[in-house]
Amino acid sequence: MNLYELQQDVDDWIKEYGVRYFDERTNMLVLMEEVGELARLMSRKYGEQSFKDYSESEFVDRNISEELGDCLFVLVCLANQMGLNLEEIMKSNLQKKTCRDKDRHHNNPKLE
């Protein structure tokens, strides 16, 4: 699935099951909520925090995958609402990063 198809699939889902898009402010807050849920899991798997309920740790990879999916879904909703093409955005973003950072990371002694 390419990004255009993803945007179309999300739009179709919203029209069939979601009634309508939440407004952009609400979706921005939902995105922050989802990123927070992802951050919580990441801090427990890769950081120094531990799970309150250790049984939760056995499902951490699945839960991280679900939270990444939730974040992506809301990002796609926001792009759709604003009439933005994620494929074009990503092509432009990669080009920008390539021009700006083509030597930066290779010359970073912290990455050796």
PDB file of N, CA and C in Angstrom:
ATOM      1  N   MET A   1       0.855  -1.174   0.000  1.00  0.00           N
ATOM      2  CA  MET A   1       0.000   0.000   0.000  1.00  0.00           C
ATOM      3  C   MET A   1       0.900   1.235   0.000  1.00  0.00           C
ATOM      4  N   ASN A   2       0.643   2.147  -0.915  1.00  0.00           N
ATOM      5  CA  ASN A   2       1.380   3.406  -0.904  1.00  0.00           C
ATOM      6  C   ASN A   2       0.625   4.437  -0.066  1.00  0.00           C
ATOM      7  N   LEU A   3       1.219   5.596   0.120  1.00  0.00           N
ATOM      8  CA  LEU A   3       0.603   6.605   0.985  1.00  0.00           C
ATOM      9  C   LEU A   3      -0.705   7.132   0.415  1.00  0.00           C
ATOM     10  N   TYR A   4      -0.796   7.240  -0.911  1.00  0.00           N
ATOM     11  CA  TYR A   4      -2.058   7.678  -1.516  1.00  0.00           C
ATOM     12  C   TYR A   4      -3.172   6.679  -1.190  1.00  0.00           C
ATOM     13  N   GLU A   5      -2.868   5.397  -1.345  1.00  0.00           N
ATOM     14  CA  GLU A   5      -3.869   4.367  -1.039  1.00  0.00           C
ATOM     15  C   GLU A   5      -4.238   4.386   0.446  1.00  0.00           C
ATOM     16  N   LEU A   6      -3.248   4.608   1.293  1.00  0.00           N
ATOM     17  CA  LEU A   6      -3.517   4.699   2.721  1.00  0.00           C
ATOM     18  C   LEU A   6      -4.463   5.863   3.011  1.00  0.00           C
ATOM     19  N   GLN A   7      -4.194   7.013   2.417  1.00  0.00           N
ATOM     20  CA  GLN A   7      -5.073   8.158   2.626  1.00  0.00           C
ATOM     21  C   GLN A   7      -6.485   7.854   2.140  1.00  0.00           C
ATOM     22  N   GLN A   8      -6.604   7.174   1.015  1.00  0.00           N
ATOM     23  CA  GLN A   8      -7.917   6.826   0.478  1.00  0.00           C
ATOM     24  C   GLN A   8      -8.636   5.825   1.376  1.00  0.00           C
ATOM     25  N   ASP A   9      -7.895   4.818   1.864  1.00  0.00           N
ATOM     26  CA  ASP A   9      -8.494   3.813   2.752  1.00  0.00           C
ATOM     27  C   ASP A   9      -8.992   4.442   4.052  1.00  0.00           C
ATOM     28  N   VAL A  10      -8.209   5.350   4.610  1.00  0.00           N
ATOM     29  CA  VAL A  10      -8.635   6.019   5.841  1.00  0.00           C
ATOM     30  C   VAL A  10      -9.872   6.866   5.567  1.00  0.00           C
ATOM     31  N   ASP A  11      -9.883   7.573   4.451  1.00  0.00           N
ATOM     32  CA  ASP A  11     -11.045   8.397   4.108  1.00  0.00           C
ATOM     33  C   ASP A  11     -12.293   7.526   3.925  1.00  0.00           C
ATOM     34  N   ASP A  12     -12.127   6.402   3.244  1.00  0.00           N
ATOM     35  CA  ASP A  12     -13.256   5.481   3.074  1.00  0.00           C
ATOM     36  C   ASP A  12     -13.751   4.964   4.425  1.00  0.00           C
ATOM     37  N   TRP A  13     -12.821   4.635   5.324  1.00  0.00           N
ATOM     38  CA  TRP A  13     -13.199   4.136   6.643  1.00  0.00           C
ATOM     39  C   TRP A  13     -13.964   5.198   7.414  1.00  0.00           C
ATOM     40  N   ILE A  14     -13.472   6.421   7.382  1.00  0.00           N
ATOM     41  CA  ILE A  14     -14.147   7.513   8.092  1.00  0.00           C
ATOM     42  C   ILE A  14     -15.570   7.672   7.560  1.00  0.00           C
ATOM     43  N   LYS A  15     -15.725   7.641   6.259  1.00  0.00           N
ATOM     44  CA  LYS A  15     -17.057   7.826   5.665  1.00  0.00           C
ATOM     45  C   LYS A  15     -18.000   6.675   5.997  1.00  0.00           C
ATOM     46  N   GLU A  16     -17.468   5.453   6.112  1.00  0.00           N
ATOM     47  CA  GLU A  16     -18.320   4.300   6.383  1.00  0.00           C
ATOM     48  C   GLU A  16     -18.584   4.091   7.869  1.00  0.00           C
ATOM     49  N   TYR A  17     -17.545   4.241   8.690  1.00  0.00           N
ATOM     50  CA  TYR A  17     -17.680   3.897  10.109  1.00  0.00           C
ATOM     51  C   TYR A  17     -17.552   5.081  11.064  1.00  0.00           C
ATOM     52  N   GLY A  18     -16.883   6.115  10.656  1.00  0.00           N
ATOM     53  CA  GLY A  18     -16.582   7.204  11.557  1.00  0.00           C
ATOM     54  C   GLY A  18     -17.556   8.362  11.522  1.00  0.00           C
ATOM     55  N   VAL A  19     -18.548   8.300  10.672  1.00  0.00           N
ATOM     56  CA  VAL A  19     -19.552   9.344  10.463  1.00  0.00           C
ATOM     57  C   VAL A  19     -18.918  10.558   9.792  1.00  0.00           C
ATOM     58  N   ARG A  20     -17.910  11.157  10.434  1.00  0.00           N
ATOM     59  CA  ARG A  20     -17.183  12.286   9.854  1.00  0.00           C
ATOM     60  C   ARG A  20     -15.849  12.395  10.578  1.00  0.00           C
ATOM     61  N   TYR A  21     -14.963  13.212  10.039  1.00  0.00           N
ATOM     62  CA  TYR A  21     -13.704  13.483  10.722  1.00  0.00           C
ATOM     63  C   TYR A  21     -13.980  14.337  11.952  1.00  0.00           C
ATOM     64  N   PHE A  22     -13.224  14.102  13.024  1.00  0.00           N
ATOM     65  CA  PHE A  22     -13.206  15.073  14.115  1.00  0.00           C
ATOM     66  C   PHE A  22     -12.583  16.346  13.548  1.00  0.00           C
ATOM     67  N   ASP A  23     -12.847  17.483  14.162  1.00  0.00           N
ATOM     68  CA  ASP A  23     -12.217  18.693  13.645  1.00  0.00           C
ATOM     69  C   ASP A  23     -10.702  18.625  13.872  1.00  0.00           C
ATOM     70  N   GLU A  24      -9.978  19.482  13.183  1.00  0.00           N
ATOM     71  CA  GLU A  24      -8.517  19.432  13.199  1.00  0.00           C
ATOM     72  C   GLU A  24      -7.942  19.612  14.606  1.00  0.00           C
ATOM     73  N   ARG A  25      -8.538  20.491  15.393  1.00  0.00           N
ATOM     74  CA  ARG A  25      -8.043  20.683  16.765  1.00  0.00           C
ATOM     75  C   ARG A  25      -8.209  19.410  17.574  1.00  0.00           C
ATOM     76  N   THR A  26      -9.356  18.785  17.452  1.00  0.00           N
ATOM     77  CA  THR A  26      -9.584  17.538  18.182  1.00  0.00           C
ATOM     78  C   THR A  26      -8.605  16.468  17.717  1.00  0.00           C
ATOM     79  N   ASN A  27      -8.418  16.338  16.407  1.00  0.00           N
ATOM     80  CA  ASN A  27      -7.483  15.323  15.913  1.00  0.00           C
ATOM     81  C   ASN A  27      -6.049  15.621  16.346  1.00  0.00           C
ATOM     82  N   MET A  28      -5.684  16.888  16.453  1.00  0.00           N
ATOM     83  CA  MET A  28      -4.344  17.215  16.949  1.00  0.00           C
ATOM     84  C   MET A  28      -4.195  16.765  18.397  1.00  0.00           C
ATOM     85  N   LEU A  29      -5.225  16.962  19.190  1.00  0.00           N
ATOM     86  CA  LEU A  29      -5.190  16.502  20.585  1.00  0.00           C
ATOM     87  C   LEU A  29      -5.187  14.980  20.662  1.00  0.00           C
ATOM     88  N   VAL A  30      -5.954  14.330  19.792  1.00  0.00           N
ATOM     89  CA  VAL A  30      -5.959  12.861  19.753  1.00  0.00           C
ATOM     90  C   VAL A  30      -4.565  12.355  19.374  1.00  0.00           C
ATOM     91  N   LEU A  31      -3.918  13.029  18.421  1.00  0.00           N
ATOM     92  CA  LEU A  31      -2.560  12.637  18.034  1.00  0.00           C
ATOM     93  C   LEU A  31      -1.610  12.755  19.222  1.00  0.00           C
ATOM     94  N   MET A  32      -1.704  13.850  19.967  1.00  0.00           N
ATOM     95  CA  MET A  32      -0.854  14.014  21.146  1.00  0.00           C
ATOM     96  C   MET A  32      -1.110  12.904  22.160  1.00  0.00           C
ATOM     97  N   GLU A  33      -2.372  12.530  22.321  1.00  0.00           N
ATOM     98  CA  GLU A  33      -2.728  11.443  23.231  1.00  0.00           C
ATOM     99  C   GLU A  33      -2.090  10.131  22.781  1.00  0.00           C
ATOM    100  N   GLU A  34      -2.200   9.835  21.483  1.00  0.00           N
ATOM    101  CA  GLU A  34      -1.644   8.583  20.958  1.00  0.00           C
ATOM    102  C   GLU A  34      -0.122   8.563  21.069  1.00  0.00           C
ATOM    103  N   VAL A  35       0.523   9.692  20.790  1.00  0.00           N
ATOM    104  CA  VAL A  35       1.981   9.761  20.917  1.00  0.00           C
ATOM    105  C   VAL A  35       2.374   9.558  22.379  1.00  0.00           C
ATOM    106  N   GLY A  36       1.585  10.092  23.298  1.00  0.00           N
ATOM    107  CA  GLY A  36       1.843   9.885  24.717  1.00  0.00           C
ATOM    108  C   GLY A  36       1.740   8.420  25.105  1.00  0.00           C
ATOM    109  N   GLU A  37       0.759   7.726  24.558  1.00  0.00           N
ATOM    110  CA  GLU A  37       0.612   6.296  24.848  1.00  0.00           C
ATOM    111  C   GLU A  37       1.803   5.516  24.292  1.00  0.00           C
ATOM    112  N   LEU A  38       2.261   5.890  23.102  1.00  0.00           N
ATOM    113  CA  LEU A  38       3.452   5.266  22.518  1.00  0.00           C
ATOM    114  C   LEU A  38       4.680   5.568  23.377  1.00  0.00           C
ATOM    115  N   ALA A  39       4.817   6.808  23.813  1.00  0.00           N
ATOM    116  CA  ALA A  39       5.961   7.202  24.639  1.00  0.00           C
ATOM    117  C   ALA A  39       5.995   6.416  25.947  1.00  0.00           C
ATOM    118  N   ARG A  40       4.845   6.200  26.529  1.00  0.00           N
ATOM    119  CA  ARG A  40       4.768   5.431  27.778  1.00  0.00           C
ATOM    120  C   ARG A  40       5.328   4.026  27.580  1.00  0.00           C
ATOM    121  N   LEU A  41       4.922   3.384  26.498  1.00  0.00           N
ATOM    122  CA  LEU A  41       5.409   2.031  26.222  1.00  0.00           C
ATOM    123  C   LEU A  41       6.902   2.027  25.901  1.00  0.00           C
ATOM    124  N   MET A  42       7.343   2.996  25.118  1.00  0.00           N
ATOM    125  CA  MET A  42       8.758   3.066  24.747  1.00  0.00           C
ATOM    126  C   MET A  42       9.628   3.295  25.977  1.00  0.00           C
ATOM    127  N   SER A  43       9.149   4.142  26.900  1.00  0.00           N
ATOM    128  CA  SER A  43       9.953   4.429  28.096  1.00  0.00           C
ATOM    129  C   SER A  43      10.068   3.203  28.983  1.00  0.00           C
ATOM    130  N   ARG A  44       9.109   2.326  28.906  1.00  0.00           N
ATOM    131  CA  ARG A  44       9.166   1.114  29.712  1.00  0.00           C
ATOM    132  C   ARG A  44       9.961   0.002  29.037  1.00  0.00           C
ATOM    133  N   LYS A  45       9.903  -0.054  27.716  1.00  0.00           N
ATOM    134  CA  LYS A  45      10.669  -1.094  27.023  1.00  0.00           C
ATOM    135  C   LYS A  45      12.140  -0.691  26.863  1.00  0.00           C
ATOM    136  N   TYR A  46      12.395   0.552  26.455  1.00  0.00           N
ATOM    137  CA  TYR A  46      13.755   0.976  26.131  1.00  0.00           C
ATOM    138  C   TYR A  46      14.357   1.926  27.164  1.00  0.00           C
ATOM    139  N   GLY A  47      13.528   2.513  27.996  1.00  0.00           N
ATOM    140  CA  GLY A  47      14.008   3.467  28.990  1.00  0.00           C
ATOM    141  C   GLY A  47      14.175   2.829  30.350  1.00  0.00           C
ATOM    142  N   GLU A  48      14.224   3.660  31.348  1.00  0.00           N
ATOM    143  CA  GLU A  48      14.499   3.194  32.699  1.00  0.00           C
ATOM    144  C   GLU A  48      13.253   2.926  33.527  1.00  0.00           C
ATOM    145  N   GLN A  49      12.083   3.257  32.994  1.00  0.00           N
ATOM    146  CA  GLN A  49      10.861   2.999  33.755  1.00  0.00           C
ATOM    147  C   GLN A  49      10.463   1.535  33.632  1.00  0.00           C
ATOM    148  N   SER A  50       9.727   1.061  34.631  1.00  0.00           N
ATOM    149  CA  SER A  50       9.241  -0.318  34.595  1.00  0.00           C
ATOM    150  C   SER A  50       7.712  -0.302  34.557  1.00  0.00           C
ATOM    151  N   PHE A  51       7.163  -1.421  34.158  1.00  0.00           N
ATOM    152  CA  PHE A  51       5.710  -1.568  34.148  1.00  0.00           C
ATOM    153  C   PHE A  51       5.211  -1.736  35.576  1.00  0.00           C
ATOM    154  N   LYS A  52       4.084  -1.124  35.889  1.00  0.00           N
ATOM    155  CA  LYS A  52       3.460  -1.332  37.199  1.00  0.00           C
ATOM    156  C   LYS A  52       2.963  -2.763  37.293  1.00  0.00           C
ATOM    157  N   ASP A  53       2.392  -3.228  36.192  1.00  0.00           N
ATOM    158  CA  ASP A  53       1.884  -4.599  36.105  1.00  0.00           C
ATOM    159  C   ASP A  53       2.817  -5.348  35.146  1.00  0.00           C
ATOM    160  N   TYR A  54       3.647  -6.215  35.656  1.00  0.00           N
ATOM    161  CA  TYR A  54       4.656  -6.874  34.830  1.00  0.00           C
ATOM    162  C   TYR A  54       4.070  -7.768  33.750  1.00  0.00           C
ATOM    163  N   SER A  55       2.817  -8.182  33.893  1.00  0.00           N
ATOM    164  CA  SER A  55       2.209  -8.988  32.831  1.00  0.00           C
ATOM    165  C   SER A  55       2.043  -8.167  31.559  1.00  0.00           C
ATOM    166  N   GLU A  56       1.990  -6.821  31.715  1.00  0.00           N
ATOM    167  CA  GLU A  56       1.864  -5.946  30.542  1.00  0.00           C
ATOM    168  C   GLU A  56       3.117  -6.016  29.664  1.00  0.00           C
ATOM    169  N   SER A  57       4.262  -6.337  30.268  1.00  0.00           N
ATOM    170  CA  SER A  57       5.516  -6.339  29.509  1.00  0.00           C
ATOM    171  C   SER A  57       5.547  -7.422  28.446  1.00  0.00           C
ATOM    172  N   GLU A  58       4.804  -8.499  28.625  1.00  0.00           N
ATOM    173  CA  GLU A  58       4.827  -9.567  27.623  1.00  0.00           C
ATOM    174  C   GLU A  58       4.116  -9.172  26.333  1.00  0.00           C
ATOM    175  N   PHE A  59       3.291  -8.119  26.383  1.00  0.00           N
ATOM    176  CA  PHE A  59       2.567  -7.664  25.206  1.00  0.00           C
ATOM    177  C   PHE A  59       3.098  -6.339  24.673  1.00  0.00           C
ATOM    178  N   VAL A  60       4.247  -5.900  25.161  1.00  0.00           N
ATOM    179  CA  VAL A  60       4.729  -4.554  24.837  1.00  0.00           C
ATOM    180  C   VAL A  60       4.959  -4.369  23.338  1.00  0.00           C
ATOM    181  N   ASP A  61       5.522  -5.342  22.648  1.00  0.00           N
ATOM    182  CA  ASP A  61       5.778  -5.180  21.208  1.00  0.00           C
ATOM    183  C   ASP A  61       4.481  -5.035  20.429  1.00  0.00           C
ATOM    184  N   ARG A  62       3.495  -5.854  20.752  1.00  0.00           N
ATOM    185  CA  ARG A  62       2.195  -5.739  20.095  1.00  0.00           C
ATOM    186  C   ARG A  62       1.556  -4.384  20.394  1.00  0.00           C
ATOM    187  N   ASN A  63       1.652  -3.953  21.642  1.00  0.00           N
ATOM    188  CA  ASN A  63       1.059  -2.675  22.029  1.00  0.00           C
ATOM    189  C   ASN A  63       1.764  -1.497  21.357  1.00  0.00           C
ATOM    190  N   ILE A  64       3.084  -1.575  21.217  1.00  0.00           N
ATOM    191  CA  ILE A  64       3.818  -0.528  20.500  1.00  0.00           C
ATOM    192  C   ILE A  64       3.350  -0.478  19.054  1.00  0.00           C
ATOM    193  N   SER A  65       3.189  -1.628  18.431  1.00  0.00           N
ATOM    194  CA  SER A  65       2.698  -1.671  17.046  1.00  0.00           C
ATOM    195  C   SER A  65       1.327  -1.027  16.932  1.00  0.00           C
ATOM    196  N   GLU A  66       0.451  -1.332  17.874  1.00  0.00           N
ATOM    197  CA  GLU A  66      -0.893  -0.752  17.849  1.00  0.00           C
ATOM    198  C   GLU A  66      -0.848   0.759  18.018  1.00  0.00           C
ATOM    199  N   GLU A  67      -0.001   1.246  18.913  1.00  0.00           N
ATOM    200  CA  GLU A  67       0.087   2.696  19.133  1.00  0.00           C
ATOM    201  C   GLU A  67       0.696   3.402  17.928  1.00  0.00           C
ATOM    202  N   LEU A  68       1.686   2.793  17.283  1.00  0.00           N
ATOM    203  CA  LEU A  68       2.229   3.368  16.050  1.00  0.00           C
ATOM    204  C   LEU A  68       1.142   3.454  14.978  1.00  0.00           C
ATOM    205  N   GLY A  69       0.325   2.408  14.886  1.00  0.00           N
ATOM    206  CA  GLY A  69      -0.792   2.422  13.943  1.00  0.00           C
ATOM    207  C   GLY A  69      -1.794   3.510  14.268  1.00  0.00           C
ATOM    208  N   ASP A  70      -2.078   3.697  15.553  1.00  0.00           N
ATOM    209  CA  ASP A  70      -3.007   4.761  15.959  1.00  0.00           C
ATOM    210  C   ASP A  70      -2.451   6.128  15.599  1.00  0.00           C
ATOM    211  N   CYS A  71      -1.149   6.333  15.835  1.00  0.00           N
ATOM    212  CA  CYS A  71      -0.516   7.617  15.489  1.00  0.00           C
ATOM    213  C   CYS A  71      -0.596   7.869  13.988  1.00  0.00           C
ATOM    214  N   LEU A  72      -0.282   6.850  13.208  1.00  0.00           N
ATOM    215  CA  LEU A  72      -0.315   7.004  11.754  1.00  0.00           C
ATOM    216  C   LEU A  72      -1.729   7.285  11.266  1.00  0.00           C
ATOM    217  N   PHE A  73      -2.707   6.608  11.831  1.00  0.00           N
ATOM    218  CA  PHE A  73      -4.101   6.822  11.436  1.00  0.00           C
ATOM    219  C   PHE A  73      -4.498   8.286  11.634  1.00  0.00           C
ATOM    220  N   VAL A  74      -4.168   8.838  12.789  1.00  0.00           N
ATOM    221  CA  VAL A  74      -4.562  10.225  13.059  1.00  0.00           C
ATOM    222  C   VAL A  74      -3.780  11.194  12.172  1.00  0.00           C
ATOM    223  N   LEU A  75      -2.503  10.914  11.919  1.00  0.00           N
ATOM    224  CA  LEU A  75      -1.740  11.763  10.995  1.00  0.00           C
ATOM    225  C   LEU A  75      -2.372  11.769   9.606  1.00  0.00           C
ATOM    226  N   VAL A  76      -2.810  10.603   9.162  1.00  0.00           N
ATOM    227  CA  VAL A  76      -3.466  10.512   7.856  1.00  0.00           C
ATOM    228  C   VAL A  76      -4.786  11.283   7.868  1.00  0.00           C
ATOM    229  N   CYS A  77      -5.533  11.171   8.955  1.00  0.00           N
ATOM    230  CA  CYS A  77      -6.772  11.949   9.074  1.00  0.00           C
ATOM    231  C   CYS A  77      -6.486  13.441   8.935  1.00  0.00           C
ATOM    232  N   LEU A  78      -5.474  13.923   9.640  1.00  0.00           N
ATOM    233  CA  LEU A  78      -5.138  15.343   9.568  1.00  0.00           C
ATOM    234  C   LEU A  78      -4.750  15.753   8.149  1.00  0.00           C
ATOM    235  N   ALA A  79      -3.944  14.937   7.492  1.00  0.00           N
ATOM    236  CA  ALA A  79      -3.553  15.240   6.107  1.00  0.00           C
ATOM    237  C   ALA A  79      -4.785  15.283   5.204  1.00  0.00           C
ATOM    238  N   ASN A  80      -5.672  14.315   5.359  1.00  0.00           N
ATOM    239  CA  ASN A  80      -6.891  14.286   4.551  1.00  0.00           C
ATOM    240  C   ASN A  80      -7.738  15.531   4.788  1.00  0.00           C
ATOM    241  N   GLN A  81      -7.906  15.909   6.029  1.00  0.00           N
ATOM    242  CA  GLN A  81      -8.740  17.063   6.359  1.00  0.00           C
ATOM    243  C   GLN A  81      -8.203  18.346   5.752  1.00  0.00           C
ATOM    244  N   MET A  82      -6.884  18.450   5.681  1.00  0.00           N
ATOM    245  CA  MET A  82      -6.263  19.669   5.180  1.00  0.00           C
ATOM    246  C   MET A  82      -5.983  19.595   3.685  1.00  0.00           C
ATOM    247  N   GLY A  83      -6.396  18.488   3.049  1.00  0.00           N
ATOM    248  CA  GLY A  83      -6.201  18.338   1.610  1.00  0.00           C
ATOM    249  C   GLY A  83      -4.735  18.183   1.220  1.00  0.00           C
ATOM    250  N   LEU A  84      -3.950  17.548   2.091  1.00  0.00           N
ATOM    251  CA  LEU A  84      -2.519  17.389   1.833  1.00  0.00           C
ATOM    252  C   LEU A  84      -2.218  15.988   1.318  1.00  0.00           C
ATOM    253  N   ASN A  85      -1.273  15.907   0.403  1.00  0.00           N
ATOM    254  CA  ASN A  85      -0.857  14.649  -0.208  1.00  0.00           C
ATOM    255  C   ASN A  85       0.398  14.158   0.506  1.00  0.00           C
ATOM    256  N   LEU A  86       0.265  13.093   1.286  1.00  0.00           N
ATOM    257  CA  LEU A  86       1.395  12.594   2.067  1.00  0.00           C
ATOM    258  C   LEU A  86       2.543  12.078   1.213  1.00  0.00           C
ATOM    259  N   GLU A  87       2.249  11.555   0.034  1.00  0.00           N
ATOM    260  CA  GLU A  87       3.335  11.104  -0.844  1.00  0.00           C
ATOM    261  C   GLU A  87       4.201  12.286  -1.254  1.00  0.00           C
ATOM    262  N   GLU A  88       3.570  13.370  -1.644  1.00  0.00           N
ATOM    263  CA  GLU A  88       4.323  14.566  -2.040  1.00  0.00           C
ATOM    264  C   GLU A  88       5.057  15.166  -0.842  1.00  0.00           C
ATOM    265  N   ILE A  89       4.411  15.171   0.301  1.00  0.00           N
ATOM    266  CA  ILE A  89       5.041  15.699   1.514  1.00  0.00           C
ATOM    267  C   ILE A  89       6.310  14.903   1.829  1.00  0.00           C
ATOM    268  N   MET A  90       6.226  13.584   1.760  1.00  0.00           N
ATOM    269  CA  MET A  90       7.386  12.763   2.105  1.00  0.00           C
ATOM    270  C   MET A  90       8.494  12.874   1.062  1.00  0.00           C
ATOM    271  N   LYS A  91       8.144  12.968  -0.208  1.00  0.00           N
ATOM    272  CA  LYS A  91       9.176  13.165  -1.237  1.00  0.00           C
ATOM    273  C   LYS A  91       9.927  14.465  -0.979  1.00  0.00           C
ATOM    274  N   SER A  92       9.183  15.510  -0.699  1.00  0.00           N
ATOM    275  CA  SER A  92       9.780  16.818  -0.433  1.00  0.00           C
ATOM    276  C   SER A  92      10.619  16.778   0.841  1.00  0.00           C
ATOM    277  N   ASN A  93      10.119  16.103   1.868  1.00  0.00           N
ATOM    278  CA  ASN A  93      10.834  16.025   3.138  1.00  0.00           C
ATOM    279  C   ASN A  93      12.148  15.270   2.990  1.00  0.00           C
ATOM    280  N   LEU A  94      12.121  14.158   2.253  1.00  0.00           N
ATOM    281  CA  LEU A  94      13.355  13.401   2.043  1.00  0.00           C
ATOM    282  C   LEU A  94      14.361  14.196   1.231  1.00  0.00           C
ATOM    283  N   GLN A  95      13.887  14.928   0.241  1.00  0.00           N
ATOM    284  CA  GLN A  95      14.774  15.774  -0.560  1.00  0.00           C
ATOM    285  C   GLN A  95      15.407  16.852   0.321  1.00  0.00           C
ATOM    286  N   LYS A  96      14.607  17.481   1.163  1.00  0.00           N
ATOM    287  CA  LYS A  96      15.119  18.501   2.084  1.00  0.00           C
ATOM    288  C   LYS A  96      16.187  17.915   2.991  1.00  0.00           C
ATOM    289  N   LYS A  97      15.900  16.759   3.582  1.00  0.00           N
ATOM    290  CA  LYS A  97      16.848  16.132   4.493  1.00  0.00           C
ATOM    291  C   LYS A  97      18.124  15.714   3.766  1.00  0.00           C
ATOM    292  N   THR A  98      17.991  15.242   2.537  1.00  0.00           N
ATOM    293  CA  THR A  98      19.155  14.832   1.761  1.00  0.00           C
ATOM    294  C   THR A  98      20.055  16.024   1.486  1.00  0.00           C
ATOM    295  N   CYS A  99      19.484  17.132   1.066  1.00  0.00           N
ATOM    296  CA  CYS A  99      20.285  18.336   0.791  1.00  0.00           C
ATOM    297  C   CYS A  99      20.929  18.865   2.068  1.00  0.00           C
ATOM    298  N   ARG A 100      20.184  18.893   3.129  1.00  0.00           N
ATOM    299  CA  ARG A 100      20.659  19.481   4.385  1.00  0.00           C
ATOM    300  C   ARG A 100      21.629  18.563   5.122  1.00  0.00           C
ATOM    301  N   ASP A 101      21.380  17.265   5.088  1.00  0.00           N
ATOM    302  CA  ASP A 101      22.094  16.348   5.972  1.00  0.00           C
ATOM    303  C   ASP A 101      22.943  15.304   5.258  1.00  0.00           C
ATOM    304  N   LYS A 102      23.223  15.489   3.956  1.00  0.00           N
ATOM    305  CA  LYS A 102      23.895  14.420   3.211  1.00  0.00           C
ATOM    306  C   LYS A 102      25.240  14.033   3.816  1.00  0.00           C
ATOM    307  N   ASP A 103      25.963  14.969   4.423  1.00  0.00           N
ATOM    308  CA  ASP A 103      27.249  14.652   5.045  1.00  0.00           C
ATOM    309  C   ASP A 103      27.209  14.740   6.564  1.00  0.00           C
ATOM    310  N   ARG A 104      26.186  15.349   7.086  1.00  0.00           N
ATOM    311  CA  ARG A 104      26.107  15.652   8.519  1.00  0.00           C
ATOM    312  C   ARG A 104      26.291  14.411   9.397  1.00  0.00           C
ATOM    313  N   HIS A 105      25.560  13.371   9.122  1.00  0.00           N
ATOM    314  CA  HIS A 105      25.598  12.191   9.986  1.00  0.00           C
ATOM    315  C   HIS A 105      26.859  11.370   9.775  1.00  0.00           C
ATOM    316  N   HIS A 106      27.391  11.353   8.551  1.00  0.00           N
ATOM    317  CA  HIS A 106      28.645  10.647   8.287  1.00  0.00           C
ATOM    318  C   HIS A 106      29.814  11.310   9.010  1.00  0.00           C
ATOM    319  N   ASN A 107      29.707  12.626   9.232  1.00  0.00           N
ATOM    320  CA  ASN A 107      30.788  13.378   9.888  1.00  0.00           C
ATOM    321  C   ASN A 107      30.556  13.566  11.378  1.00  0.00           C
ATOM    322  N   ASN A 108      29.558  12.891  11.936  1.00  0.00           N
ATOM    323  CA  ASN A 108      29.238  13.038  13.347  1.00  0.00           C
ATOM    324  C   ASN A 108      29.997  11.976  14.148  1.00  0.00           C
ATOM    325  N   PRO A 109      30.999  12.391  14.941  1.00  0.00           N
ATOM    326  CA  PRO A 109      31.774  11.403  15.710  1.00  0.00           C
ATOM    327  C   PRO A 109      30.932  10.666  16.752  1.00  0.00           C
ATOM    328  N   LYS A 110      29.800  11.211  17.129  1.00  0.00           N
ATOM    329  CA  LYS A 110      28.940  10.546  18.090  1.00  0.00           C
ATOM    330  C   LYS A 110      28.288   9.285  17.514  1.00  0.00           C
ATOM    331  N   LEU A 111      28.274   9.184  16.189  1.00  0.00           N
ATOM    332  CA  LEU A 111      27.632   8.051  15.531  1.00  0.00           C
ATOM    333  C   LEU A 111      28.621   6.969  15.113  1.00  0.00           C
ATOM    334  N   GLU A 112      29.875   7.164  15.407  1.00  0.00           N
ATOM    335  CA  GLU A 112      30.890   6.164  15.001  1.00  0.00           C
ATOM    336  C   GLU A 112      30.830   4.938  15.866  1.00  0.00           C
TER     337      GLU A 112
END
